[in-house]
Amino acid sequence: MGIQPGDAQGRTPLNIAMTIVLWILAATLIVAGLAGLVLPAIPGAPLLFLGLVAAAWAENFAYVGWTTLLLLGGLCLLAYLVDFAAGAFGARHFGASNRAVAGAALGTLFGLFLGLFGVLVGPFVGAVAGELTMNRDLRRAGKAGIGATLGLALGAAVKIALAFVMLGVFLVVRLFSSP
């Protein structure tokens, strides 16, 4: 085999190139993940999580290990679930029927394909339509729609908070642990 050229830490040019690629990938995924927290149809929390995994990998998991990554994965899953359940929860809180709750969930899902407008209006329309199939009272249906929309707003706030918790956990572990 022979001696391969490397830097003072024994890294070869290939290792250095791989580290650079991982850091670029990490930065790109983290930025896309943060954007996805507010932009529809971009899975913000999963992209953020993948970016943090890439950052840990770039340092060979010397600072951020599997325990921390499992915690971050759990927070990511929670943020993803909150995103889908929030509209239905809000509709239920305002006294909506099961059909209105299902309609809010379906409205959220279909709204994802229509951009920001669809994400904002989808749960409302879905909850109203679902409630109207159960009860012809337009006032009650409107109340279910408002609940779905408020639930969606609350869910977005929780999702953003969970994403910043993920970033905070990663940074604390990275800065205050030794390799």
Foldseek 3Di string as FASTA:
>chain_A
DDDADDDPVRDHPVLVVLLVVLLVQLVVLLVQLLVPLQKFPRLNLVSNLVSLVSNCVSVPVQQPHDVLSVVSVVLSVVLVVLQQQQLLVLLVVLPADPQLSVQLSVQCVVLSVVIPVSNQQRSLVRSLVRRCVVPVDNVSSNSSSVRSNVSNVVSSVSSSVSSVVSVVSSVCSRVPGGD
